[in-house]
Amino acid sequence: MTRVLVVNAGSTSLKLSVVDGGEVRAVESFDADADAVAHRVVHGGDGFREPVVIDEGVVAALERLVELAPLHNAPALQGIAEARAALPDVPHVAVFDTAFHATLPAVAWTIAVPDHLGVRRYGFHGLAVQSVAEQVGVDRLVVCHLGGGSSVTAVLEGRSVETSMGFTPLEGVPMTTRSGSVDPGAVLHLARRLGEDELGRVLERESGLLALSGFSGDVRELEADPRGDFALELFAYRVAQAVASCAVALGGLEAVAFSGGIGENSQRVRDAVAARLEHLRPFDVHVVAAREDVVAAREALGVLAL
């Protein structure tokens, strides 16, 4: 059985695992016994809609995409460099979170600005959403992948048709320290006031649940302190709004699935979201562990035909 080392370099962590058939085991270093390496890359831009074997040209293209997802693509590139140095004799494959959302219809991915500006909505968390959708297996599903980054995706017969994140992973619902969607006029105002770099730092690292509560973006801490009540209420409200929007794209709703660190572990958030959606009942609620590593390994093997 072919063993795949999966490198998942996130904004705050590095997870390494070896997928061997149906078995997954965590490892501590890149120097693992593997026949291939799959690298999760958050943003593939327009150039990468399928997994691709990594060479110097691919690395150069990924470097040009760092500005679109600096918290994610930069660590991914570092992981690629370290893994290629540790395992130079096996193939390395980049697997993209944006690829699952390549099925978005034009009405979902188009942004109402002039075409020559070259911006569109891409969507993210694709590997996680794909994994959840495969496990739940219904035709009209909304996946709420809630964690450090949070997104809500409509999956129609296994295909992404709407999602809350857009051109970058900043759009959508509020997250632990990321703002989510902000009025473009407010962004322009703050850019003039703070400068581009400072505003980027604020929107990425000082906003979201942290800003709403004033003391933490960690849902566990928010649930334990009354000062976190409003932040959790607003978060659930925005997630429920995103689910309702996805129901429009699906033409109905059979199930809502919660995944990610918050989605899997916060009963309070799940209940608050579901309570906001009572008018859309009946639908089933699932709590699902996303297996990004399994999907990434399978996608990499498909490219390599191993």
C-alpha atoms as a PDB file:
ATOM      1  CA  MET A   1       0.000   0.000   0.000  1.00  0.00           C
ATOM      2  CA  THR A   2       1.370   3.440  -0.937  1.00  0.00           C
ATOM      3  CA  ARG A   3       2.211   5.676   2.015  1.00  0.00           C
ATOM      4  CA  VAL A   4       1.624   9.399   1.688  1.00  0.00           C
ATOM      5  CA  LEU A   5       3.052  11.990   4.036  1.00  0.00           C
ATOM      6  CA  VAL A   6       0.502  14.800   4.305  1.00  0.00           C
ATOM      7  CA  VAL A   7       1.871  18.241   5.199  1.00  0.00           C
ATOM      8  CA  ASN A   8      -0.796  20.598   6.519  1.00  0.00           C
ATOM      9  CA  ALA A   9       0.846  23.927   7.285  1.00  0.00           C
ATOM     10  CA  GLY A  10      -1.770  26.232   8.775  1.00  0.00           C
ATOM     11  CA  SER A  11      -1.595  29.809   9.970  1.00  0.00           C
ATOM     12  CA  THR A  12      -0.770  28.734  13.531  1.00  0.00           C
ATOM     13  CA  SER A  13       0.279  25.091  13.327  1.00  0.00           C
ATOM     14  CA  LEU A  14       2.038  22.403  11.324  1.00  0.00           C
ATOM     15  CA  LYS A  15       0.389  18.986  11.168  1.00  0.00           C
ATOM     16  CA  LEU A  16       2.162  15.991   9.683  1.00  0.00           C
ATOM     17  CA  SER A  17       0.540  12.616   9.138  1.00  0.00           C
ATOM     18  CA  VAL A  18       1.131   9.467   7.133  1.00  0.00           C
ATOM     19  CA  VAL A  19      -1.866   8.025   5.295  1.00  0.00           C
ATOM     20  CA  ASP A  20      -1.476   4.353   4.458  1.00  0.00           C
ATOM     21  CA  GLY A  21      -4.641   2.976   2.920  1.00  0.00           C
ATOM     22  CA  GLY A  22      -7.390   3.734   5.426  1.00  0.00           C
ATOM     23  CA  GLU A  23      -5.025   4.242   8.314  1.00  0.00           C
ATOM     24  CA  VAL A  24      -3.729   7.636   9.444  1.00  0.00           C
ATOM     25  CA  ARG A  25      -1.011   8.246  11.984  1.00  0.00           C
ATOM     26  CA  ALA A  26       0.517  11.486  13.163  1.00  0.00           C
ATOM     27  CA  VAL A  27       4.273  11.910  12.796  1.00  0.00           C
ATOM     28  CA  GLU A  28       6.658  14.426  14.274  1.00  0.00           C
ATOM     29  CA  SER A  29       9.029  15.166  11.411  1.00  0.00           C
ATOM     30  CA  PHE A  30       9.303  15.392   7.634  1.00  0.00           C
ATOM     31  CA  ASP A  31      11.757  12.489   7.633  1.00  0.00           C
ATOM     32  CA  ALA A  32       9.003   9.869   7.419  1.00  0.00           C
ATOM     33  CA  ASP A  33       8.838   6.589   5.541  1.00  0.00           C
ATOM     34  CA  ALA A  34       6.675   7.713   2.624  1.00  0.00           C
ATOM     35  CA  ASP A  35       6.309   7.030  -1.094  1.00  0.00           C
ATOM     36  CA  ALA A  36       4.890  10.486  -1.846  1.00  0.00           C
ATOM     37  CA  VAL A  37       4.139  13.779  -0.110  1.00  0.00           C
ATOM     38  CA  ALA A  38       0.874  15.739  -0.342  1.00  0.00           C
ATOM     39  CA  HIS A  39       0.984  19.415   0.613  1.00  0.00           C
ATOM     40  CA  ARG A  40      -2.205  21.265   1.499  1.00  0.00           C
ATOM     41  CA  VAL A  41      -2.059  24.720  -0.099  1.00  0.00           C
ATOM     42  CA  VAL A  42      -4.862  27.133   0.764  1.00  0.00           C
ATOM     43  CA  HIS A  43      -4.894  29.443  -2.270  1.00  0.00           C
ATOM     44  CA  GLY A  44      -4.367  28.170  -5.806  1.00  0.00           C
ATOM     45  CA  GLY A  45      -5.563  31.299  -7.593  1.00  0.00           C
ATOM     46  CA  ASP A  46      -6.655  30.935 -11.200  1.00  0.00           C
ATOM     47  CA  GLY A  47      -3.680  28.806 -12.128  1.00  0.00           C
ATOM     48  CA  PHE A  48      -4.248  25.748  -9.944  1.00  0.00           C
ATOM     49  CA  ARG A  49      -7.631  24.046 -10.004  1.00  0.00           C
ATOM     50  CA  GLU A  50      -6.275  20.503  -9.807  1.00  0.00           C
ATOM     51  CA  PRO A  51      -3.498  18.888  -7.760  1.00  0.00           C
ATOM     52  CA  VAL A  52      -0.076  19.381  -9.346  1.00  0.00           C
ATOM     53  CA  VAL A  53       3.344  17.778  -8.993  1.00  0.00           C
ATOM     54  CA  ILE A  54       5.655  20.345  -7.434  1.00  0.00           C
ATOM     55  CA  ASP A  55       8.667  21.624  -9.347  1.00  0.00           C
ATOM     56  CA  GLU A  56      10.521  24.920  -9.336  1.00  0.00           C
ATOM     57  CA  GLY A  57       7.969  26.508 -11.667  1.00  0.00           C
ATOM     58  CA  VAL A  58       5.130  25.576  -9.319  1.00  0.00           C
ATOM     59  CA  VAL A  59       7.034  26.958  -6.333  1.00  0.00           C
ATOM     60  CA  ALA A  60       7.580  30.262  -8.160  1.00  0.00           C
ATOM     61  CA  ALA A  61       3.870  30.463  -9.021  1.00  0.00           C
ATOM     62  CA  LEU A  62       2.907  29.770  -5.410  1.00  0.00           C
ATOM     63  CA  GLU A  63       5.244  32.500  -4.201  1.00  0.00           C
ATOM     64  CA  ARG A  64       3.313  34.979  -6.341  1.00  0.00           C
ATOM     65  CA  LEU A  65       0.092  33.923  -4.592  1.00  0.00           C
ATOM     66  CA  VAL A  66       1.351  34.546  -1.054  1.00  0.00           C
ATOM     67  CA  GLU A  67      -0.120  38.059  -0.938  1.00  0.00           C
ATOM     68  CA  LEU A  68      -3.622  36.609  -1.395  1.00  0.00           C
ATOM     69  CA  ALA A  69      -3.345  34.347   1.671  1.00  0.00           C
ATOM     70  CA  PRO A  70      -0.245  35.396   3.618  1.00  0.00           C
ATOM     71  CA  LEU A  71      -1.183  33.570   6.817  1.00  0.00           C
ATOM     72  CA  HIS A  72      -1.517  30.288   4.925  1.00  0.00           C
ATOM     73  CA  ASN A  73       0.434  30.140   1.678  1.00  0.00           C
ATOM     74  CA  ALA A  74       3.664  31.395   3.234  1.00  0.00           C
ATOM     75  CA  PRO A  75       3.760  28.543   5.810  1.00  0.00           C
ATOM     76  CA  ALA A  76       2.804  26.101   3.043  1.00  0.00           C
ATOM     77  CA  LEU A  77       5.801  27.183   0.995  1.00  0.00           C
ATOM     78  CA  GLN A  78       8.055  26.758   4.012  1.00  0.00           C
ATOM     79  CA  GLY A  79       6.632  23.268   4.526  1.00  0.00           C
ATOM     80  CA  ILE A  80       7.229  22.436   0.864  1.00  0.00           C
ATOM     81  CA  ALA A  81      10.856  23.558   1.092  1.00  0.00           C
ATOM     82  CA  GLU A  82      11.541  21.592   4.271  1.00  0.00           C
ATOM     83  CA  ALA A  83       9.794  18.446   3.083  1.00  0.00           C
ATOM     84  CA  ARG A  84      11.520  18.481  -0.309  1.00  0.00           C
ATOM     85  CA  ALA A  85      14.866  18.818   1.482  1.00  0.00           C
ATOM     86  CA  ALA A  86      14.058  15.931   3.814  1.00  0.00           C
ATOM     87  CA  LEU A  87      12.540  13.679   1.122  1.00  0.00           C
ATOM     88  CA  PRO A  88      14.206  14.645  -2.179  1.00  0.00           C
ATOM     89  CA  ASP A  89      13.659  11.294  -3.886  1.00  0.00           C
ATOM     90  CA  VAL A  90       9.859  11.041  -3.685  1.00  0.00           C
ATOM     91  CA  PRO A  91       7.252  13.076  -5.610  1.00  0.00           C
ATOM     92  CA  HIS A  92       5.653  16.062  -3.890  1.00  0.00           C
ATOM     93  CA  VAL A  93       2.140  17.154  -4.851  1.00  0.00           C
ATOM     94  CA  ALA A  94       0.349  20.415  -4.037  1.00  0.00           C
ATOM     95  CA  VAL A  95      -3.348  19.925  -3.258  1.00  0.00           C
ATOM     96  CA  PHE A  96      -5.444  23.092  -3.153  1.00  0.00           C
ATOM     97  CA  ASP A  97      -8.286  24.157  -0.880  1.00  0.00           C
ATOM     98  CA  THR A  98      -9.628  26.382  -3.651  1.00  0.00           C
ATOM     99  CA  ALA A  99      -9.910  23.479  -6.111  1.00  0.00           C
ATOM    100  CA  PHE A 100     -13.113  22.051  -4.594  1.00  0.00           C
ATOM    101  CA  HIS A 101     -14.821  25.369  -5.272  1.00  0.00           C
ATOM    102  CA  ALA A 102     -13.970  25.365  -8.988  1.00  0.00           C
ATOM    103  CA  THR A 103     -17.587  24.210  -9.510  1.00  0.00           C
ATOM    104  CA  LEU A 104     -19.017  27.498  -8.202  1.00  0.00           C
ATOM    105  CA  PRO A 105     -21.418  28.946 -10.788  1.00  0.00           C
ATOM    106  CA  ALA A 106     -20.653  32.368 -12.233  1.00  0.00           C
ATOM    107  CA  VAL A 107     -23.312  34.046 -10.099  1.00  0.00           C
ATOM    108  CA  ALA A 108     -21.492  32.793  -6.995  1.00  0.00           C
ATOM    109  CA  TRP A 109     -17.891  33.587  -7.944  1.00  0.00           C
ATOM    110  CA  THR A 110     -18.325  36.866  -9.806  1.00  0.00           C
ATOM    111  CA  ILE A 111     -17.590  40.147  -7.993  1.00  0.00           C
ATOM    112  CA  ALA A 112     -19.398  43.202  -9.342  1.00  0.00           C
ATOM    113  CA  VAL A 113     -16.314  45.204 -10.297  1.00  0.00           C
ATOM    114  CA  PRO A 114     -14.709  45.691 -13.736  1.00  0.00           C
ATOM    115  CA  ASP A 115     -13.272  42.498 -15.229  1.00  0.00           C
ATOM    116  CA  HIS A 116      -9.858  44.030 -15.866  1.00  0.00           C
ATOM    117  CA  LEU A 117      -9.238  44.261 -12.116  1.00  0.00           C
ATOM    118  CA  GLY A 118      -8.882  40.487 -12.058  1.00  0.00           C
ATOM    119  CA  VAL A 119     -10.661  39.677  -8.810  1.00  0.00           C
ATOM    120  CA  ARG A 120     -13.186  36.936  -8.181  1.00  0.00           C
ATOM    121  CA  ARG A 121     -14.414  34.726  -5.364  1.00  0.00           C
ATOM    122  CA  TYR A 122     -12.482  31.465  -4.905  1.00  0.00           C
ATOM    123  CA  GLY A 123     -13.634  29.836  -1.659  1.00  0.00           C
ATOM    124  CA  PHE A 124     -11.476  27.952   0.827  1.00  0.00           C
ATOM    125  CA  HIS A 125     -11.463  24.985   3.263  1.00  0.00           C
ATOM    126  CA  GLY A 126     -12.126  22.826   0.192  1.00  0.00           C
ATOM    127  CA  LEU A 127     -10.380  19.685   1.420  1.00  0.00           C
ATOM    128  CA  ALA A 128     -12.281  19.785   4.717  1.00  0.00           C
ATOM    129  CA  VAL A 129     -15.625  20.493   3.063  1.00  0.00           C
ATOM    130  CA  GLN A 130     -15.095  17.727   0.513  1.00  0.00           C
ATOM    131  CA  SER A 131     -14.314  15.283   3.310  1.00  0.00           C
ATOM    132  CA  VAL A 132     -17.415  16.244   5.294  1.00  0.00           C
ATOM    133  CA  ALA A 133     -19.668  16.084   2.237  1.00  0.00           C
ATOM    134  CA  GLU A 134     -18.426  12.593   1.395  1.00  0.00           C
ATOM    135  CA  GLN A 135     -19.106  11.412   4.942  1.00  0.00           C
ATOM    136  CA  VAL A 136     -22.612  12.892   5.203  1.00  0.00           C
ATOM    137  CA  GLY A 137     -23.668  11.927   1.686  1.00  0.00           C
ATOM    138  CA  VAL A 138     -26.840  13.955   1.078  1.00  0.00           C
ATOM    139  CA  ASP A 139     -27.736  15.998  -2.008  1.00  0.00           C
ATOM    140  CA  ARG A 140     -28.418  19.360  -0.333  1.00  0.00           C
ATOM    141  CA  LEU A 141     -25.868  19.966   2.411  1.00  0.00           C
ATOM    142  CA  VAL A 142     -24.454  23.022   4.153  1.00  0.00           C
ATOM    143  CA  VAL A 143     -21.047  22.538   5.772  1.00  0.00           C
ATOM    144  CA  CYS A 144     -20.163  24.904   8.612  1.00  0.00           C
ATOM    145  CA  HIS A 145     -16.413  24.485   8.999  1.00  0.00           C
ATOM    146  CA  LEU A 146     -15.774  26.558  12.117  1.00  0.00           C
ATOM    147  CA  GLY A 147     -12.369  26.995  13.691  1.00  0.00           C
ATOM    148  CA  GLY A 148      -9.546  29.504  13.655  1.00  0.00           C
ATOM    149  CA  GLY A 149     -10.827  30.273  10.187  1.00  0.00           C
ATOM    150  CA  SER A 150     -14.535  29.713   9.573  1.00  0.00           C
ATOM    151  CA  SER A 151     -16.536  29.213   6.399  1.00  0.00           C
ATOM    152  CA  VAL A 152     -19.990  28.040   5.358  1.00  0.00           C
ATOM    153  CA  THR A 153     -20.429  26.142   2.074  1.00  0.00           C
ATOM    154  CA  ALA A 154     -23.409  24.898   0.082  1.00  0.00           C
ATOM    155  CA  VAL A 155     -22.748  21.461  -1.426  1.00  0.00           C
ATOM    156  CA  LEU A 156     -25.223  20.303  -4.079  1.00  0.00           C
ATOM    157  CA  GLU A 157     -24.844  16.645  -5.071  1.00  0.00           C
ATOM    158  CA  GLY A 158     -21.198  16.733  -4.004  1.00  0.00           C
ATOM    159  CA  ARG A 159     -20.330  20.028  -5.732  1.00  0.00           C
ATOM    160  CA  SER A 160     -19.659  23.414  -4.162  1.00  0.00           C
ATOM    161  CA  VAL A 161     -22.239  25.947  -5.373  1.00  0.00           C
ATOM    162  CA  GLU A 162     -21.871  28.741  -2.789  1.00  0.00           C
ATOM    163  CA  THR A 163     -19.427  29.564  -0.015  1.00  0.00           C
ATOM    164  CA  SER A 164     -18.859  32.389   2.440  1.00  0.00           C
ATOM    165  CA  MET A 165     -15.140  32.987   1.849  1.00  0.00           C
ATOM    166  CA  GLY A 166     -14.212  34.783  -1.353  1.00  0.00           C
ATOM    167  CA  PHE A 167     -11.150  36.343  -3.012  1.00  0.00           C
ATOM    168  CA  THR A 168      -9.199  35.696   0.189  1.00  0.00           C
ATOM    169  CA  PRO A 169      -9.902  33.794   3.442  1.00  0.00           C
ATOM    170  CA  LEU A 170     -10.896  37.105   5.068  1.00  0.00           C
ATOM    171  CA  GLU A 171     -14.420  37.255   3.615  1.00  0.00           C
ATOM    172  CA  GLY A 172     -17.449  35.736   5.288  1.00  0.00           C
ATOM    173  CA  VAL A 173     -18.375  35.156   8.906  1.00  0.00           C
ATOM    174  CA  PRO A 174     -16.275  36.567  11.779  1.00  0.00           C
ATOM    175  CA  MET A 175     -13.478  34.239  12.876  1.00  0.00           C
ATOM    176  CA  THR A 176     -11.279  33.960  15.947  1.00  0.00           C
ATOM    177  CA  THR A 177      -9.065  36.935  15.032  1.00  0.00           C
ATOM    178  CA  ARG A 178     -10.172  37.669  11.432  1.00  0.00           C
ATOM    179  CA  SER A 179     -12.888  40.195  10.724  1.00  0.00           C
ATOM    180  CA  GLY A 180     -14.918  38.406   8.094  1.00  0.00           C
ATOM    181  CA  SER A 181     -16.822  40.626   5.657  1.00  0.00           C
ATOM    182  CA  VAL A 182     -16.454  44.374   6.119  1.00  0.00           C
ATOM    183  CA  ASP A 183     -18.091  47.188   4.124  1.00  0.00           C
ATOM    184  CA  PRO A 184     -15.567  48.146   1.396  1.00  0.00           C
ATOM    185  CA  GLY A 185     -16.173  51.784   2.272  1.00  0.00           C
ATOM    186  CA  ALA A 186     -15.072  51.100   5.831  1.00  0.00           C
ATOM    187  CA  VAL A 187     -11.963  49.314   4.527  1.00  0.00           C
ATOM    188  CA  LEU A 188     -11.067  52.335   2.375  1.00  0.00           C
ATOM    189  CA  HIS A 189     -11.626  54.651   5.328  1.00  0.00           C
ATOM    190  CA  LEU A 190      -9.434  52.552   7.615  1.00  0.00           C
ATOM    191  CA  ALA A 191      -6.734  52.142   4.954  1.00  0.00           C
ATOM    192  CA  ARG A 192      -6.419  55.921   4.713  1.00  0.00           C
ATOM    193  CA  ARG A 193      -6.336  56.187   8.485  1.00  0.00           C
ATOM    194  CA  LEU A 194      -4.078  53.251   9.377  1.00  0.00           C
ATOM    195  CA  GLY A 195      -2.167  52.466   6.193  1.00  0.00           C
ATOM    196  CA  GLU A 196      -2.407  49.252   4.191  1.00  0.00           C
ATOM    197  CA  ASP A 197      -0.008  47.099   6.226  1.00  0.00           C
ATOM    198  CA  GLU A 198      -1.420  48.075   9.614  1.00  0.00           C
ATOM    199  CA  LEU A 199      -4.985  47.564   8.425  1.00  0.00           C
ATOM    200  CA  GLY A 200      -4.088  44.134   7.084  1.00  0.00           C
ATOM    201  CA  ARG A 201      -2.647  43.192  10.465  1.00  0.00           C
ATOM    202  CA  VAL A 202      -5.729  44.448  12.305  1.00  0.00           C
ATOM    203  CA  LEU A 203      -8.169  42.606  10.036  1.00  0.00           C
ATOM    204  CA  GLU A 204      -6.177  39.365  10.205  1.00  0.00           C
ATOM    205  CA  ARG A 205      -4.999  39.298  13.815  1.00  0.00           C
ATOM    206  CA  GLU A 206      -6.965  41.727  15.993  1.00  0.00           C
ATOM    207  CA  SER A 207     -10.550  41.397  14.788  1.00  0.00           C
ATOM    208  CA  GLY A 208     -13.263  38.726  14.853  1.00  0.00           C
ATOM    209  CA  LEU A 209     -14.182  37.164  18.172  1.00  0.00           C
ATOM    210  CA  LEU A 210     -11.145  38.738  19.802  1.00  0.00           C
ATOM    211  CA  ALA A 211     -12.345  42.233  18.942  1.00  0.00           C
ATOM    212  CA  LEU A 212     -15.960  41.473  19.792  1.00  0.00           C
ATOM    213  CA  SER A 213     -15.132  40.141  23.243  1.00  0.00           C
ATOM    214  CA  GLY A 214     -12.202  42.396  24.026  1.00  0.00           C
ATOM    215  CA  PHE A 215     -10.210  39.610  25.652  1.00  0.00           C
ATOM    216  CA  SER A 216     -10.063  36.383  23.598  1.00  0.00           C
ATOM    217  CA  GLY A 217     -10.843  34.737  20.293  1.00  0.00           C
ATOM    218  CA  ASP A 218     -10.818  31.246  21.835  1.00  0.00           C
ATOM    219  CA  VAL A 219     -14.386  29.934  22.031  1.00  0.00           C
ATOM    220  CA  ARG A 220     -13.553  27.827  25.075  1.00  0.00           C
ATOM    221  CA  GLU A 221     -12.554  30.973  26.957  1.00  0.00           C
ATOM    222  CA  LEU A 222     -15.545  32.894  25.630  1.00  0.00           C
ATOM    223  CA  GLU A 223     -17.942  30.195  26.832  1.00  0.00           C
ATOM    224  CA  ALA A 224     -16.412  30.309  30.299  1.00  0.00           C
ATOM    225  CA  ASP A 225     -16.713  34.087  30.740  1.00  0.00           C
ATOM    226  CA  PRO A 226     -19.896  36.211  30.556  1.00  0.00           C
ATOM    227  CA  ARG A 227     -17.895  38.840  28.677  1.00  0.00           C
ATOM    228  CA  GLY A 228     -17.866  36.426  25.755  1.00  0.00           C
ATOM    229  CA  ASP A 229     -21.659  36.120  25.449  1.00  0.00           C
ATOM    230  CA  PHE A 230     -22.169  38.834  22.844  1.00  0.00           C
ATOM    231  CA  ALA A 231     -19.275  37.617  20.692  1.00  0.00           C
ATOM    232  CA  LEU A 232     -20.744  34.105  20.629  1.00  0.00           C
ATOM    233  CA  GLU A 233     -24.235  35.427  19.919  1.00  0.00           C
ATOM    234  CA  LEU A 234     -23.037  37.506  16.978  1.00  0.00           C
ATOM    235  CA  PHE A 235     -20.907  34.638  15.653  1.00  0.00           C
ATOM    236  CA  ALA A 236     -23.868  32.233  15.689  1.00  0.00           C
ATOM    237  CA  TYR A 237     -26.076  34.884  14.071  1.00  0.00           C
ATOM    238  CA  ARG A 238     -23.645  35.411  11.189  1.00  0.00           C
ATOM    239  CA  VAL A 239     -23.131  31.681  10.675  1.00  0.00           C
ATOM    240  CA  ALA A 240     -26.902  31.132  10.594  1.00  0.00           C
ATOM    241  CA  GLN A 241     -27.250  33.936   8.051  1.00  0.00           C
ATOM    242  CA  ALA A 242     -24.640  32.239   5.876  1.00  0.00           C
ATOM    243  CA  VAL A 243     -26.465  28.893   6.161  1.00  0.00           C
ATOM    244  CA  ALA A 244     -29.717  30.531   5.079  1.00  0.00           C
ATOM    245  CA  SER A 245     -27.943  32.073   2.092  1.00  0.00           C
ATOM    246  CA  CYS A 246     -26.620  28.644   1.168  1.00  0.00           C
ATOM    247  CA  ALA A 247     -30.144  27.214   1.368  1.00  0.00           C
ATOM    248  CA  VAL A 248     -31.106  29.642  -1.407  1.00  0.00           C
ATOM    249  CA  ALA A 249     -28.266  28.346  -3.575  1.00  0.00           C
ATOM    250  CA  LEU A 250     -29.286  24.739  -2.885  1.00  0.00           C
ATOM    251  CA  GLY A 251     -33.006  25.215  -3.455  1.00  0.00           C
ATOM    252  CA  GLY A 252     -33.668  23.517  -0.135  1.00  0.00           C
ATOM    253  CA  LEU A 253     -31.802  22.014   2.782  1.00  0.00           C
ATOM    254  CA  GLU A 254     -31.453  18.397   3.862  1.00  0.00           C
ATOM    255  CA  ALA A 255     -28.646  18.655   6.395  1.00  0.00           C
ATOM    256  CA  VAL A 256     -26.250  21.008   8.157  1.00  0.00           C
ATOM    257  CA  ALA A 257     -22.862  19.596   9.144  1.00  0.00           C
ATOM    258  CA  PHE A 258     -20.521  21.162  11.694  1.00  0.00           C
ATOM    259  CA  SER A 259     -16.788  20.523  11.527  1.00  0.00           C
ATOM    260  CA  GLY A 260     -13.563  22.176  12.686  1.00  0.00           C
ATOM    261  CA  GLY A 261     -12.394  22.915  16.200  1.00  0.00           C
ATOM    262  CA  ILE A 262     -15.418  25.067  17.067  1.00  0.00           C
ATOM    263  CA  GLY A 263     -17.950  23.170  14.995  1.00  0.00           C
ATOM    264  CA  GLU A 264     -17.035  19.808  16.497  1.00  0.00           C
ATOM    265  CA  ASN A 265     -16.518  20.892  20.097  1.00  0.00           C
ATOM    266  CA  SER A 266     -18.933  23.734  20.879  1.00  0.00           C
ATOM    267  CA  GLN A 267     -22.437  22.469  21.553  1.00  0.00           C
ATOM    268  CA  ARG A 268     -23.376  26.013  22.518  1.00  0.00           C
ATOM    269  CA  VAL A 269     -22.464  27.413  19.098  1.00  0.00           C
ATOM    270  CA  ARG A 270     -24.169  24.562  17.248  1.00  0.00           C
ATOM    271  CA  ASP A 271     -27.382  24.973  19.257  1.00  0.00           C
ATOM    272  CA  ALA A 272     -27.377  28.744  18.772  1.00  0.00           C
ATOM    273  CA  VAL A 273     -26.955  28.393  15.013  1.00  0.00           C
ATOM    274  CA  ALA A 274     -29.667  25.733  14.759  1.00  0.00           C
ATOM    275  CA  ALA A 275     -32.059  27.847  16.840  1.00  0.00           C
ATOM    276  CA  ARG A 276     -31.710  30.689  14.339  1.00  0.00           C
ATOM    277  CA  LEU A 277     -32.623  28.293  11.531  1.00  0.00           C
ATOM    278  CA  GLU A 278     -35.802  26.776  12.947  1.00  0.00           C
ATOM    279  CA  HIS A 279     -37.849  28.359  10.142  1.00  0.00           C
ATOM    280  CA  LEU A 280     -35.932  26.184   7.637  1.00  0.00           C
ATOM    281  CA  ARG A 281     -36.735  22.886   9.348  1.00  0.00           C
ATOM    282  CA  PRO A 282     -36.791  20.005   8.842  1.00  0.00           C
ATOM    283  CA  PHE A 283     -33.089  19.300   8.309  1.00  0.00           C
ATOM    284  CA  ASP A 284     -30.639  16.937   9.979  1.00  0.00           C
ATOM    285  CA  VAL A 285     -27.676  18.170  12.011  1.00  0.00           C
ATOM    286  CA  HIS A 286     -24.364  16.306  11.851  1.00  0.00           C
ATOM    287  CA  VAL A 287     -21.099  16.745  13.725  1.00  0.00           C
ATOM    288  CA  VAL A 288     -18.288  15.460  11.511  1.00  0.00           C
ATOM    289  CA  ALA A 289     -14.521  15.287  11.882  1.00  0.00           C
ATOM    290  CA  ALA A 290     -13.039  16.605   8.643  1.00  0.00           C
ATOM    291  CA  ARG A 291     -10.325  14.318   7.272  1.00  0.00           C
ATOM    292  CA  GLU A 292      -8.301  16.700   5.152  1.00  0.00           C
ATOM    293  CA  ASP A 293      -5.331  14.351   5.323  1.00  0.00           C
ATOM    294  CA  VAL A 294      -7.225  11.455   3.749  1.00  0.00           C
ATOM    295  CA  VAL A 295      -8.609  13.602   0.925  1.00  0.00           C
ATOM    296  CA  ALA A 296      -5.215  15.219   0.280  1.00  0.00           C
ATOM    297  CA  ALA A 297      -3.491  11.828   0.103  1.00  0.00           C
ATOM    298  CA  ARG A 298      -6.111  10.450  -2.264  1.00  0.00           C
ATOM    299  CA  GLU A 299      -5.906  13.500  -4.537  1.00  0.00           C
ATOM    300  CA  ALA A 300      -2.109  13.259  -4.650  1.00  0.00           C
ATOM    301  CA  LEU A 301      -2.194   9.557  -5.511  1.00  0.00           C
ATOM    302  CA  GLY A 302      -4.667  10.281  -8.278  1.00  0.00           C
ATOM    303  CA  VAL A 303      -2.220  12.666  -9.936  1.00  0.00           C
ATOM    304  CA  LEU A 304       0.674  10.265  -9.533  1.00  0.00           C
ATOM    305  CA  ALA A 305      -1.373   7.191 -10.531  1.00  0.00           C
ATOM    306  CA  LEU A 306       0.313   5.194  -7.783  1.00  0.00           C
END
